[in-house]
Amino acid sequence: MLTLTVIGIAVGLPLGRLIAGLLTSALRMPSLYFEVEVAPLSYCIAGVATLIFALIVQWATNPALDRIDPVSSLKSVE
């Protein structure tokens, strides 16, 4: 059920680091430069927080989604 969340974490964390590096290099000024340095613990916290949030959303929405009949919802004209 959380396949897309795990794929999003696996793709998003490296892409976020890459984009942060590109932005800092594009905004480089002679007197001011920020090195992009992200601690490994920050990646772990971000991944776990994303998984927890996705689980909470799934837990909150699944009862309502289970009551929907897919066939009748496709037939209804609204």
N, C-alpha and C. Protein backbone atom coordinates (compact mmCIF):
# COMPACT_ATOMS: atom_id res chain seq x y z
N MET A 1 0.81 -1.20 0.00
CA MET A 1 0.00 0.00 0.00
C MET A 1 0.85 1.27 0.00
N LEU A 2 2.01 1.16 0.55
CA LEU A 2 2.86 2.35 0.65
C LEU A 2 3.97 2.34 -0.41
N THR A 3 3.73 1.67 -1.51
CA THR A 3 4.75 1.55 -2.55
C THR A 3 5.15 2.91 -3.11
N LEU A 4 4.16 3.74 -3.41
CA LEU A 4 4.47 5.06 -3.97
C LEU A 4 5.21 5.94 -2.97
N THR A 5 4.90 5.79 -1.69
CA THR A 5 5.59 6.56 -0.67
C THR A 5 7.06 6.18 -0.60
N VAL A 6 7.34 4.88 -0.64
CA VAL A 6 8.72 4.41 -0.58
C VAL A 6 9.48 4.84 -1.84
N ILE A 7 8.83 4.75 -3.00
CA ILE A 7 9.48 5.20 -4.23
C ILE A 7 9.74 6.70 -4.17
N GLY A 8 8.77 7.46 -3.66
CA GLY A 8 8.95 8.91 -3.53
C GLY A 8 10.09 9.27 -2.61
N ILE A 9 10.25 8.54 -1.52
CA ILE A 9 11.36 8.79 -0.60
C ILE A 9 12.68 8.46 -1.28
N ALA A 10 12.73 7.31 -1.96
CA ALA A 10 13.97 6.87 -2.60
C ALA A 10 14.40 7.82 -3.72
N VAL A 11 13.45 8.38 -4.43
CA VAL A 11 13.77 9.30 -5.52
C VAL A 11 13.94 10.73 -4.99
N GLY A 12 13.11 11.11 -4.04
CA GLY A 12 13.08 12.50 -3.58
C GLY A 12 14.28 12.93 -2.76
N LEU A 13 14.80 12.05 -1.92
CA LEU A 13 15.94 12.45 -1.09
C LEU A 13 17.18 12.77 -1.92
N PRO A 14 17.60 11.90 -2.85
CA PRO A 14 18.76 12.27 -3.67
C PRO A 14 18.49 13.46 -4.59
N LEU A 15 17.28 13.53 -5.15
CA LEU A 15 16.96 14.67 -6.01
C LEU A 15 16.94 15.98 -5.24
N GLY A 16 16.46 15.94 -4.01
CA GLY A 16 16.47 17.14 -3.17
C GLY A 16 17.87 17.63 -2.91
N ARG A 17 18.78 16.70 -2.65
CA ARG A 17 20.19 17.07 -2.42
C ARG A 17 20.79 17.66 -3.69
N LEU A 18 20.49 17.05 -4.83
CA LEU A 18 21.01 17.54 -6.11
C LEU A 18 20.48 18.93 -6.42
N ILE A 19 19.20 19.15 -6.24
CA ILE A 19 18.61 20.46 -6.53
C ILE A 19 19.14 21.52 -5.57
N ALA A 20 19.35 21.15 -4.31
CA ALA A 20 19.92 22.10 -3.36
C ALA A 20 21.33 22.51 -3.79
N GLY A 21 22.11 21.56 -4.26
CA GLY A 21 23.45 21.89 -4.76
C GLY A 21 23.40 22.78 -5.99
N LEU A 22 22.47 22.50 -6.90
CA LEU A 22 22.34 23.34 -8.10
C LEU A 22 21.91 24.76 -7.75
N LEU A 23 20.99 24.89 -6.81
CA LEU A 23 20.54 26.23 -6.42
C LEU A 23 21.65 27.02 -5.74
N THR A 24 22.41 26.39 -4.88
CA THR A 24 23.48 27.14 -4.21
C THR A 24 24.58 27.51 -5.19
N SER A 25 24.83 26.66 -6.18
CA SER A 25 25.85 27.03 -7.16
C SER A 25 25.34 28.13 -8.10
N ALA A 26 24.05 28.15 -8.38
CA ALA A 26 23.48 29.20 -9.23
C ALA A 26 23.43 30.54 -8.51
N LEU A 27 23.28 30.51 -7.20
CA LEU A 27 23.18 31.74 -6.42
C LEU A 27 24.50 32.14 -5.77
N ARG A 28 25.58 31.57 -6.23
CA ARG A 28 26.88 31.82 -5.62
C ARG A 28 27.30 33.28 -5.81
N MET A 29 27.66 33.89 -4.70
CA MET A 29 28.17 35.26 -4.72
C MET A 29 29.61 35.22 -4.21
N PRO A 30 30.42 36.16 -4.64
CA PRO A 30 31.83 36.13 -4.20
C PRO A 30 31.99 36.24 -2.69
N SER A 31 31.15 37.00 -2.05
CA SER A 31 31.32 37.21 -0.61
C SER A 31 30.48 36.26 0.25
N LEU A 32 29.60 35.50 -0.38
CA LEU A 32 28.69 34.66 0.39
C LEU A 32 28.47 33.35 -0.34
N TYR A 33 28.79 32.25 0.32
CA TYR A 33 28.57 30.94 -0.27
C TYR A 33 28.18 29.95 0.83
N PHE A 34 27.15 29.19 0.57
CA PHE A 34 26.70 28.17 1.51
C PHE A 34 26.99 26.80 0.92
N GLU A 35 27.67 25.99 1.65
CA GLU A 35 27.90 24.61 1.23
C GLU A 35 26.71 23.77 1.66
N VAL A 36 26.22 22.94 0.76
CA VAL A 36 25.09 22.07 1.09
C VAL A 36 25.64 20.86 1.83
N GLU A 37 25.28 20.78 3.09
CA GLU A 37 25.74 19.66 3.91
C GLU A 37 24.54 19.15 4.71
N VAL A 38 24.14 17.94 4.42
CA VAL A 38 22.98 17.34 5.09
C VAL A 38 23.46 16.11 5.85
N ALA A 39 23.17 16.09 7.13
CA ALA A 39 23.58 14.96 7.96
C ALA A 39 22.77 13.72 7.60
N PRO A 40 23.38 12.55 7.66
CA PRO A 40 22.63 11.32 7.36
C PRO A 40 21.41 11.14 8.26
N LEU A 41 21.50 11.61 9.49
CA LEU A 41 20.36 11.51 10.40
C LEU A 41 19.16 12.31 9.87
N SER A 42 19.43 13.42 9.19
CA SER A 42 18.35 14.23 8.62
C SER A 42 17.60 13.46 7.54
N TYR A 43 18.33 12.68 6.73
CA TYR A 43 17.68 11.85 5.73
C TYR A 43 16.80 10.80 6.39
N CYS A 44 17.30 10.20 7.45
CA CYS A 44 16.52 9.18 8.18
C CYS A 44 15.26 9.79 8.78
N ILE A 45 15.40 10.94 9.40
CA ILE A 45 14.24 11.60 10.02
C ILE A 45 13.21 11.97 8.95
N ALA A 46 13.67 12.49 7.82
CA ALA A 46 12.74 12.87 6.75
C ALA A 46 12.01 11.65 6.19
N GLY A 47 12.72 10.56 5.99
CA GLY A 47 12.09 9.35 5.48
C GLY A 47 11.08 8.76 6.45
N VAL A 48 11.45 8.70 7.72
CA VAL A 48 10.54 8.14 8.73
C VAL A 48 9.33 9.05 8.91
N ALA A 49 9.54 10.36 8.93
CA ALA A 49 8.41 11.28 9.08
C ALA A 49 7.45 11.17 7.90
N THR A 50 7.98 10.99 6.71
CA THR A 50 7.13 10.82 5.53
C THR A 50 6.32 9.53 5.62
N LEU A 51 6.97 8.45 6.03
CA LEU A 51 6.25 7.18 6.19
C LEU A 51 5.16 7.27 7.25
N ILE A 52 5.47 7.90 8.37
CA ILE A 52 4.48 8.04 9.44
C ILE A 52 3.29 8.86 8.96
N PHE A 53 3.56 9.96 8.28
CA PHE A 53 2.47 10.79 7.77
C PHE A 53 1.61 10.02 6.76
N ALA A 54 2.26 9.26 5.87
CA ALA A 54 1.51 8.48 4.88
C ALA A 54 0.66 7.41 5.57
N LEU A 55 1.17 6.79 6.61
CA LEU A 55 0.39 5.80 7.36
C LEU A 55 -0.81 6.43 8.05
N ILE A 56 -0.62 7.62 8.61
CA ILE A 56 -1.73 8.31 9.27
C ILE A 56 -2.82 8.66 8.25
N VAL A 57 -2.42 9.16 7.10
CA VAL A 57 -3.39 9.51 6.06
C VAL A 57 -4.11 8.26 5.57
N GLN A 58 -3.37 7.19 5.37
CA GLN A 58 -3.98 5.94 4.93
C GLN A 58 -4.95 5.41 5.98
N TRP A 59 -4.58 5.46 7.22
CA TRP A 59 -5.44 4.99 8.31
C TRP A 59 -6.72 5.83 8.40
N ALA A 60 -6.60 7.14 8.16
CA ALA A 60 -7.76 8.02 8.28
C ALA A 60 -8.70 7.90 7.08
N THR A 61 -8.19 7.61 5.90
CA THR A 61 -9.04 7.62 4.71
C THR A 61 -9.54 6.25 4.29
N ASN A 62 -8.90 5.18 4.71
CA ASN A 62 -9.31 3.85 4.26
C ASN A 62 -10.74 3.47 4.64
N PRO A 63 -11.23 3.77 5.85
CA PRO A 63 -12.62 3.40 6.15
C PRO A 63 -13.63 4.05 5.21
N ALA A 64 -13.42 5.29 4.87
CA ALA A 64 -14.34 5.97 3.95
C ALA A 64 -14.22 5.40 2.54
N LEU A 65 -13.02 5.07 2.12
CA LEU A 65 -12.83 4.53 0.78
C LEU A 65 -13.35 3.10 0.66
N ASP A 66 -13.33 2.35 1.75
CA ASP A 66 -13.84 0.98 1.72
C ASP A 66 -15.35 0.94 1.54
N ARG A 67 -16.06 1.99 1.91
CA ARG A 67 -17.52 2.03 1.77
C ARG A 67 -17.97 2.35 0.35
N ILE A 68 -17.07 2.79 -0.49
CA ILE A 68 -17.43 3.16 -1.86
C ILE A 68 -17.46 1.91 -2.74
N ASP A 69 -18.56 1.73 -3.46
CA ASP A 69 -18.66 0.64 -4.42
C ASP A 69 -18.13 1.14 -5.76
N PRO A 70 -17.02 0.59 -6.25
CA PRO A 70 -16.41 1.12 -7.47
C PRO A 70 -17.33 1.04 -8.69
N VAL A 71 -18.09 -0.03 -8.82
CA VAL A 71 -18.95 -0.19 -9.99
C VAL A 71 -20.06 0.85 -10.00
N SER A 72 -20.72 1.04 -8.87
CA SER A 72 -21.81 2.02 -8.84
C SER A 72 -21.29 3.45 -8.94
N SER A 73 -20.11 3.70 -8.44
CA SER A 73 -19.58 5.07 -8.55
C SER A 73 -19.18 5.39 -9.98
N LEU A 74 -18.80 4.39 -10.76
CA LEU A 74 -18.49 4.64 -12.17
C LEU A 74 -19.76 4.83 -13.00
N LYS A 75 -20.85 4.22 -12.57
CA LYS A 75 -22.11 4.33 -13.31
C LYS A 75 -22.83 5.64 -13.04
N SER A 76 -22.63 6.24 -11.88
CA SER A 76 -23.39 7.43 -11.53
C SER A 76 -22.99 8.61 -12.40
N VAL A 77 -23.98 9.42 -12.77
CA VAL A 77 -23.75 10.60 -13.58
C VAL A 77 -23.89 11.82 -12.67
N GLU A 78 -22.80 12.52 -12.48
CA GLU A 78 -22.83 13.72 -11.63
C GLU A 78 -22.11 14.84 -12.29
